[in-house]
Amino acid sequence: MDMQSEFDRLLFFEHARKTAETTYAKDPLDAENLTRWGGALLELSQFQNVPDSKKMISEAISKLEEALLVSPNRHDTLWCLGNAYTSHAFITPELEEAKEYFNKATIYFQQAVDEEPTNELYLKSLEVAAKAPELHTEIHKQAAAQAAMGATAGPSSTSATAKSAKKKKSSDLKYDIFGWVILAVGIVAWVGFAKSHMPPSPPTPR
């Protein structure tokens, strides 16, 4: 993904976040807006370093849980919460701790499926959630191996190139982790944001 499209995404979701914040000040009980806010925060979290990313994901979870207090059976909110917990799990190196987040994610994905049993995206998320701990182990094993290779390489005239390659690998790894989660959440946030700025549809003739 090129730098310009990355920057555009960052700007878009930052704008979505600020818009949601403004809307919340006017109507704190708008569950759709809270869901959009949580989705935008989840998108923005992937542009942060790991500690800041965790903070932003926690904030997203807080907004989504707030939305569920207003509308407990809202399927897109339940699904976004599943994604938020999955994201949190993947950036948590300790597997046992990560499993707790994966378990929460599975519960929310299942609830989203219960609300909309034919939604293919929800069904796929539930299916992938079952494989998530295995994927977590593999990803962190690769990350540890990459770190070890970097440590044993030693100083050399190509150290800058090695650092650049390592940074790219780390970036690619992060996209692998977030890929299936974030893209879909981004679509939901974008659709919701677009809908909020569209004129009302004319009534359909009976």
C-alpha atoms as a PDB file:
ATOM      1  CA  MET A   1       0.000   0.000   0.000  1.00  0.00           C
ATOM      2  CA  ASP A   2       1.544   3.331  -1.021  1.00  0.00           C
ATOM      3  CA  MET A   3       2.259   6.212   1.333  1.00  0.00           C
ATOM      4  CA  GLN A   4      -0.341   8.535  -0.198  1.00  0.00           C
ATOM      5  CA  SER A   5      -3.226   6.102   0.267  1.00  0.00           C
ATOM      6  CA  GLU A   6      -2.032   5.433   3.822  1.00  0.00           C
ATOM      7  CA  PHE A   7      -2.005   9.163   4.532  1.00  0.00           C
ATOM      8  CA  ASP A   8      -5.458   9.546   2.957  1.00  0.00           C
ATOM      9  CA  ARG A   9      -6.832   6.786   5.179  1.00  0.00           C
ATOM     10  CA  LEU A  10      -5.288   8.398   8.240  1.00  0.00           C
ATOM     11  CA  LEU A  11      -6.880  11.753   7.356  1.00  0.00           C
ATOM     12  CA  PHE A  12     -10.239  10.171   6.574  1.00  0.00           C
ATOM     13  CA  PHE A  13     -10.551   8.272   9.845  1.00  0.00           C
ATOM     14  CA  GLU A  14      -9.201  11.160  11.898  1.00  0.00           C
ATOM     15  CA  HIS A  15     -11.946  13.306  10.329  1.00  0.00           C
ATOM     16  CA  ALA A  16     -14.497  10.557  11.076  1.00  0.00           C
ATOM     17  CA  ARG A  17     -13.307  10.447  14.698  1.00  0.00           C
ATOM     18  CA  LYS A  18     -13.607  14.215  15.143  1.00  0.00           C
ATOM     19  CA  THR A  19     -17.042  14.252  13.498  1.00  0.00           C
ATOM     20  CA  ALA A  20     -18.218  11.469  15.815  1.00  0.00           C
ATOM     21  CA  GLU A  21     -16.865  13.385  18.813  1.00  0.00           C
ATOM     22  CA  THR A  22     -18.807  16.509  17.765  1.00  0.00           C
ATOM     23  CA  THR A  23     -21.970  14.498  17.175  1.00  0.00           C
ATOM     24  CA  TYR A  24     -21.584  12.823  20.580  1.00  0.00           C
ATOM     25  CA  ALA A  25     -21.534  16.241  22.297  1.00  0.00           C
ATOM     26  CA  LYS A  26     -24.949  16.938  20.754  1.00  0.00           C
ATOM     27  CA  ASP A  27     -26.426  13.460  21.227  1.00  0.00           C
ATOM     28  CA  PRO A  28     -24.548  11.067  23.557  1.00  0.00           C
ATOM     29  CA  LEU A  29     -27.208   8.377  23.075  1.00  0.00           C
ATOM     30  CA  ASP A  30     -26.668   7.891  19.328  1.00  0.00           C
ATOM     31  CA  ALA A  31     -25.573   4.231  19.139  1.00  0.00           C
ATOM     32  CA  GLU A  32     -24.737   4.446  15.436  1.00  0.00           C
ATOM     33  CA  ASN A  33     -22.443   7.417  16.033  1.00  0.00           C
ATOM     34  CA  LEU A  34     -20.747   5.659  18.962  1.00  0.00           C
ATOM     35  CA  THR A  35     -20.184   2.633  16.730  1.00  0.00           C
ATOM     36  CA  ARG A  36     -18.665   4.839  14.023  1.00  0.00           C
ATOM     37  CA  TRP A  37     -16.448   6.468  16.648  1.00  0.00           C
ATOM     38  CA  GLY A  38     -15.238   3.089  17.894  1.00  0.00           C
ATOM     39  CA  GLY A  39     -14.614   1.924  14.326  1.00  0.00           C
ATOM     40  CA  ALA A  40     -12.612   5.055  13.484  1.00  0.00           C
ATOM     41  CA  LEU A  41     -10.477   4.652  16.640  1.00  0.00           C
ATOM     42  CA  LEU A  42      -9.843   1.019  15.747  1.00  0.00           C
ATOM     43  CA  GLU A  43      -8.679   2.073  12.273  1.00  0.00           C
ATOM     44  CA  LEU A  44      -6.451   4.821  13.676  1.00  0.00           C
ATOM     45  CA  SER A  45      -4.899   2.396  16.174  1.00  0.00           C
ATOM     46  CA  GLN A  46      -2.944   0.670  13.404  1.00  0.00           C
ATOM     47  CA  PHE A  47      -1.001   3.871  12.709  1.00  0.00           C
ATOM     48  CA  GLN A  48       0.361   3.966  16.291  1.00  0.00           C
ATOM     49  CA  ASN A  49       3.196   2.212  18.083  1.00  0.00           C
ATOM     50  CA  VAL A  50       2.099  -0.769  20.201  1.00  0.00           C
ATOM     51  CA  PRO A  51       1.522   1.038  23.560  1.00  0.00           C
ATOM     52  CA  ASP A  52      -0.465   3.845  21.897  1.00  0.00           C
ATOM     53  CA  SER A  53      -2.286   1.322  19.739  1.00  0.00           C
ATOM     54  CA  LYS A  54      -3.411  -0.551  22.868  1.00  0.00           C
ATOM     55  CA  LYS A  55      -4.673   2.688  24.417  1.00  0.00           C
ATOM     56  CA  MET A  56      -6.614   3.564  21.282  1.00  0.00           C
ATOM     57  CA  ILE A  57      -8.122   0.059  21.031  1.00  0.00           C
ATOM     58  CA  SER A  58      -9.180   0.307  24.695  1.00  0.00           C
ATOM     59  CA  GLU A  59     -10.832   3.637  23.923  1.00  0.00           C
ATOM     60  CA  ALA A  60     -12.590   2.061  20.924  1.00  0.00           C
ATOM     61  CA  ILE A  61     -13.861  -0.762  23.152  1.00  0.00           C
ATOM     62  CA  SER A  62     -15.172   1.817  25.618  1.00  0.00           C
ATOM     63  CA  LYS A  63     -17.148   3.646  22.875  1.00  0.00           C
ATOM     64  CA  LEU A  64     -18.539   0.398  21.481  1.00  0.00           C
ATOM     65  CA  GLU A  65     -19.603  -0.814  24.918  1.00  0.00           C
ATOM     66  CA  GLU A  66     -21.292   2.562  25.426  1.00  0.00           C
ATOM     67  CA  ALA A  67     -23.169   2.003  22.157  1.00  0.00           C
ATOM     68  CA  LEU A  68     -24.358  -1.402  23.414  1.00  0.00           C
ATOM     69  CA  LEU A  69     -25.741   0.205  26.565  1.00  0.00           C
ATOM     70  CA  VAL A  70     -27.979   2.266  24.273  1.00  0.00           C
ATOM     71  CA  SER A  71     -28.734  -0.541  21.801  1.00  0.00           C
ATOM     72  CA  PRO A  72     -27.789  -3.963  23.257  1.00  0.00           C
ATOM     73  CA  ASN A  73     -28.602  -6.031  20.145  1.00  0.00           C
ATOM     74  CA  ARG A  74     -26.938  -3.813  17.548  1.00  0.00           C
ATOM     75  CA  HIS A  75     -25.165  -6.372  15.358  1.00  0.00           C
ATOM     76  CA  ASP A  76     -22.559  -4.074  13.757  1.00  0.00           C
ATOM     77  CA  THR A  77     -21.512  -2.845  17.209  1.00  0.00           C
ATOM     78  CA  LEU A  78     -21.206  -6.416  18.493  1.00  0.00           C
ATOM     79  CA  TRP A  79     -19.110  -7.315  15.468  1.00  0.00           C
ATOM     80  CA  CYS A  80     -16.852  -4.248  15.835  1.00  0.00           C
ATOM     81  CA  LEU A  81     -16.298  -5.172  19.488  1.00  0.00           C
ATOM     82  CA  GLY A  82     -15.234  -8.643  18.385  1.00  0.00           C
ATOM     83  CA  ASN A  83     -12.710  -7.020  16.054  1.00  0.00           C
ATOM     84  CA  ALA A  84     -11.451  -4.669  18.755  1.00  0.00           C
ATOM     85  CA  TYR A  85     -10.765  -7.560  21.141  1.00  0.00           C
ATOM     86  CA  THR A  86      -9.117  -9.531  18.317  1.00  0.00           C
ATOM     87  CA  SER A  87      -6.820  -6.575  17.543  1.00  0.00           C
ATOM     88  CA  HIS A  88      -5.943  -6.252  21.226  1.00  0.00           C
ATOM     89  CA  ALA A  89      -5.142  -9.961  21.402  1.00  0.00           C
ATOM     90  CA  PHE A  90      -2.811  -9.894  18.412  1.00  0.00           C
ATOM     91  CA  ILE A  91      -0.643  -7.113  19.845  1.00  0.00           C
ATOM     92  CA  THR A  92      -0.453  -8.892  23.217  1.00  0.00           C
ATOM     93  CA  PRO A  93       2.650 -11.144  23.100  1.00  0.00           C
ATOM     94  CA  GLU A  94       1.650 -13.418  26.019  1.00  0.00           C
ATOM     95  CA  LEU A  95      -0.587 -16.140  24.574  1.00  0.00           C
ATOM     96  CA  GLU A  96      -2.567 -16.815  27.766  1.00  0.00           C
ATOM     97  CA  GLU A  97      -3.474 -13.147  28.120  1.00  0.00           C
ATOM     98  CA  ALA A  98      -4.211 -12.928  24.396  1.00  0.00           C
ATOM     99  CA  LYS A  99      -6.532 -15.953  24.665  1.00  0.00           C
ATOM    100  CA  GLU A 100      -8.741 -14.016  27.094  1.00  0.00           C
ATOM    101  CA  TYR A 101      -9.213 -11.318  24.451  1.00  0.00           C
ATOM    102  CA  PHE A 102      -9.791 -13.936  21.749  1.00  0.00           C
ATOM    103  CA  ASN A 103     -12.475 -15.558  23.915  1.00  0.00           C
ATOM    104  CA  LYS A 104     -14.251 -12.219  24.368  1.00  0.00           C
ATOM    105  CA  ALA A 105     -13.996 -11.600  20.619  1.00  0.00           C
ATOM    106  CA  THR A 106     -15.581 -14.976  19.867  1.00  0.00           C
ATOM    107  CA  ILE A 107     -18.503 -14.207  22.199  1.00  0.00           C
ATOM    108  CA  TYR A 108     -19.194 -10.909  20.434  1.00  0.00           C
ATOM    109  CA  PHE A 109     -18.815 -12.447  16.964  1.00  0.00           C
ATOM    110  CA  GLN A 110     -21.280 -15.169  17.969  1.00  0.00           C
ATOM    111  CA  GLN A 111     -23.758 -12.573  19.231  1.00  0.00           C
ATOM    112  CA  ALA A 112     -23.432 -10.640  15.955  1.00  0.00           C
ATOM    113  CA  VAL A 113     -24.131 -13.873  14.030  1.00  0.00           C
ATOM    114  CA  ASP A 114     -27.124 -14.582  16.293  1.00  0.00           C
ATOM    115  CA  GLU A 115     -28.533 -11.169  15.381  1.00  0.00           C
ATOM    116  CA  GLU A 116     -27.787 -11.545  11.640  1.00  0.00           C
ATOM    117  CA  PRO A 117     -27.336 -15.274  10.854  1.00  0.00           C
ATOM    118  CA  THR A 118     -26.946 -14.759   7.079  1.00  0.00           C
ATOM    119  CA  ASN A 119     -24.252 -12.068   7.245  1.00  0.00           C
ATOM    120  CA  GLU A 120     -21.213 -13.621   5.535  1.00  0.00           C
ATOM    121  CA  LEU A 121     -18.767 -11.158   7.080  1.00  0.00           C
ATOM    122  CA  TYR A 122     -19.917 -12.050  10.608  1.00  0.00           C
ATOM    123  CA  LEU A 123     -19.801 -15.773   9.827  1.00  0.00           C
ATOM    124  CA  LYS A 124     -16.285 -15.445   8.391  1.00  0.00           C
ATOM    125  CA  SER A 125     -15.114 -13.461  11.437  1.00  0.00           C
ATOM    126  CA  LEU A 126     -16.440 -16.186  13.743  1.00  0.00           C
ATOM    127  CA  GLU A 127     -14.708 -18.840  11.657  1.00  0.00           C
ATOM    128  CA  VAL A 128     -11.362 -16.997  11.658  1.00  0.00           C
ATOM    129  CA  ALA A 129     -11.649 -16.320  15.411  1.00  0.00           C
ATOM    130  CA  ALA A 130     -11.421 -20.056  16.033  1.00  0.00           C
ATOM    131  CA  LYS A 131      -8.017 -20.117  14.309  1.00  0.00           C
ATOM    132  CA  ALA A 132      -6.786 -16.862  15.860  1.00  0.00           C
ATOM    133  CA  PRO A 133      -4.730 -18.288  18.793  1.00  0.00           C
ATOM    134  CA  GLU A 134      -2.812 -20.518  16.355  1.00  0.00           C
ATOM    135  CA  LEU A 135      -2.169 -17.523  14.083  1.00  0.00           C
ATOM    136  CA  HIS A 136      -1.081 -15.470  17.125  1.00  0.00           C
ATOM    137  CA  THR A 137       1.536 -18.079  18.048  1.00  0.00           C
ATOM    138  CA  GLU A 138       2.880 -18.204  14.490  1.00  0.00           C
ATOM    139  CA  ILE A 139       3.063 -14.406  14.131  1.00  0.00           C
ATOM    140  CA  HIS A 140       4.880 -13.860  17.424  1.00  0.00           C
ATOM    141  CA  LYS A 141       7.228 -16.769  16.685  1.00  0.00           C
ATOM    142  CA  GLN A 142       8.150 -15.082  13.384  1.00  0.00           C
ATOM    143  CA  ALA A 143       8.565 -11.714  15.119  1.00  0.00           C
ATOM    144  CA  ALA A 144      10.907 -13.262  17.708  1.00  0.00           C
ATOM    145  CA  ALA A 145      12.933 -14.960  14.963  1.00  0.00           C
ATOM    146  CA  GLN A 146      13.240 -11.669  13.063  1.00  0.00           C
ATOM    147  CA  ALA A 147      14.363  -9.882  16.238  1.00  0.00           C
ATOM    148  CA  ALA A 148      16.964 -12.603  16.916  1.00  0.00           C
ATOM    149  CA  MET A 149      18.288 -12.344  13.350  1.00  0.00           C
ATOM    150  CA  GLY A 150      18.617  -8.587  13.760  1.00  0.00           C
ATOM    151  CA  ALA A 151      20.491  -9.016  17.047  1.00  0.00           C
ATOM    152  CA  THR A 152      23.002 -11.550  15.674  1.00  0.00           C
ATOM    153  CA  ALA A 153      23.670  -9.682  12.421  1.00  0.00           C
ATOM    154  CA  GLY A 154      26.040  -7.252  14.143  1.00  0.00           C
ATOM    155  CA  PRO A 155      27.178  -3.837  12.907  1.00  0.00           C
ATOM    156  CA  SER A 156      28.071  -3.528   9.244  1.00  0.00           C
ATOM    157  CA  SER A 157      28.166  -1.019   6.435  1.00  0.00           C
ATOM    158  CA  THR A 158      24.696  -2.206   5.409  1.00  0.00           C
ATOM    159  CA  SER A 159      23.179  -1.712   8.865  1.00  0.00           C
ATOM    160  CA  ALA A 160      20.955   1.133   7.626  1.00  0.00           C
ATOM    161  CA  THR A 161      19.620  -1.101   4.844  1.00  0.00           C
ATOM    162  CA  ALA A 162      19.075  -3.932   7.327  1.00  0.00           C
ATOM    163  CA  LYS A 163      17.202  -1.608   9.664  1.00  0.00           C
ATOM    164  CA  SER A 164      15.061  -0.405   6.785  1.00  0.00           C
ATOM    165  CA  ALA A 165      14.287  -3.987   5.722  1.00  0.00           C
ATOM    166  CA  LYS A 166      13.532  -4.958   9.321  1.00  0.00           C
ATOM    167  CA  LYS A 167      11.194  -1.981   9.682  1.00  0.00           C
ATOM    168  CA  LYS A 168       9.410  -2.977   6.473  1.00  0.00           C
ATOM    169  CA  LYS A 169       9.078  -6.574   7.702  1.00  0.00           C
ATOM    170  CA  SER A 170       7.687  -5.317  10.988  1.00  0.00           C
ATOM    171  CA  SER A 171       5.240  -3.103   9.093  1.00  0.00           C
ATOM    172  CA  ASP A 172       4.191  -5.988   6.834  1.00  0.00           C
ATOM    173  CA  LEU A 173       3.719  -8.179   9.880  1.00  0.00           C
ATOM    174  CA  LYS A 174       1.466  -5.573  11.453  1.00  0.00           C
ATOM    175  CA  TYR A 175      -0.669  -5.488   8.307  1.00  0.00           C
ATOM    176  CA  ASP A 176      -0.926  -9.295   8.411  1.00  0.00           C
ATOM    177  CA  ILE A 177      -2.138  -9.064  11.993  1.00  0.00           C
ATOM    178  CA  PHE A 178      -4.688  -6.344  11.406  1.00  0.00           C
ATOM    179  CA  GLY A 179      -5.567  -7.095   7.797  1.00  0.00           C
ATOM    180  CA  TRP A 180      -8.771  -9.072   8.046  1.00  0.00           C
ATOM    181  CA  VAL A 181      -9.920  -7.129  11.095  1.00  0.00           C
ATOM    182  CA  ILE A 182      -9.225  -3.539  10.209  1.00  0.00           C
ATOM    183  CA  LEU A 183     -10.228  -3.478   6.562  1.00  0.00           C
ATOM    184  CA  ALA A 184     -13.710  -4.699   7.348  1.00  0.00           C
ATOM    185  CA  VAL A 185     -14.112  -2.343  10.308  1.00  0.00           C
ATOM    186  CA  GLY A 186     -12.949   0.482   8.045  1.00  0.00           C
ATOM    187  CA  ILE A 187     -15.656  -0.397   5.546  1.00  0.00           C
ATOM    188  CA  VAL A 188     -18.299  -0.313   8.288  1.00  0.00           C
ATOM    189  CA  ALA A 189     -17.024   3.031   9.609  1.00  0.00           C
ATOM    190  CA  TRP A 190     -16.826   4.474   6.103  1.00  0.00           C
ATOM    191  CA  VAL A 191     -20.322   3.310   5.121  1.00  0.00           C
ATOM    192  CA  GLY A 192     -21.748   4.655   8.376  1.00  0.00           C
ATOM    193  CA  PHE A 193     -19.917   7.952   7.917  1.00  0.00           C
ATOM    194  CA  ALA A 194     -21.084   8.264   4.303  1.00  0.00           C
ATOM    195  CA  LYS A 195     -24.668   7.459   5.277  1.00  0.00           C
ATOM    196  CA  SER A 196     -24.634  10.172   7.936  1.00  0.00           C
ATOM    197  CA  HIS A 197     -23.777  12.737   5.252  1.00  0.00           C
ATOM    198  CA  MET A 198     -26.266  11.593   2.645  1.00  0.00           C
ATOM    199  CA  PRO A 199     -29.657  13.252   2.103  1.00  0.00           C
ATOM    200  CA  PRO A 200     -32.605  11.118   3.222  1.00  0.00           C
ATOM    201  CA  SER A 201     -33.881   8.663   0.595  1.00  0.00           C
ATOM    202  CA  PRO A 202     -37.253   9.392  -0.953  1.00  0.00           C
ATOM    203  CA  PRO A 203     -40.054   7.133   0.322  1.00  0.00           C
ATOM    204  CA  THR A 204     -40.551   4.037  -1.765  1.00  0.00           C
ATOM    205  CA  PRO A 205     -43.923   3.846  -3.501  1.00  0.00           C
ATOM    206  CA  ARG A 206     -46.341   1.298  -2.105  1.00  0.00           C
END
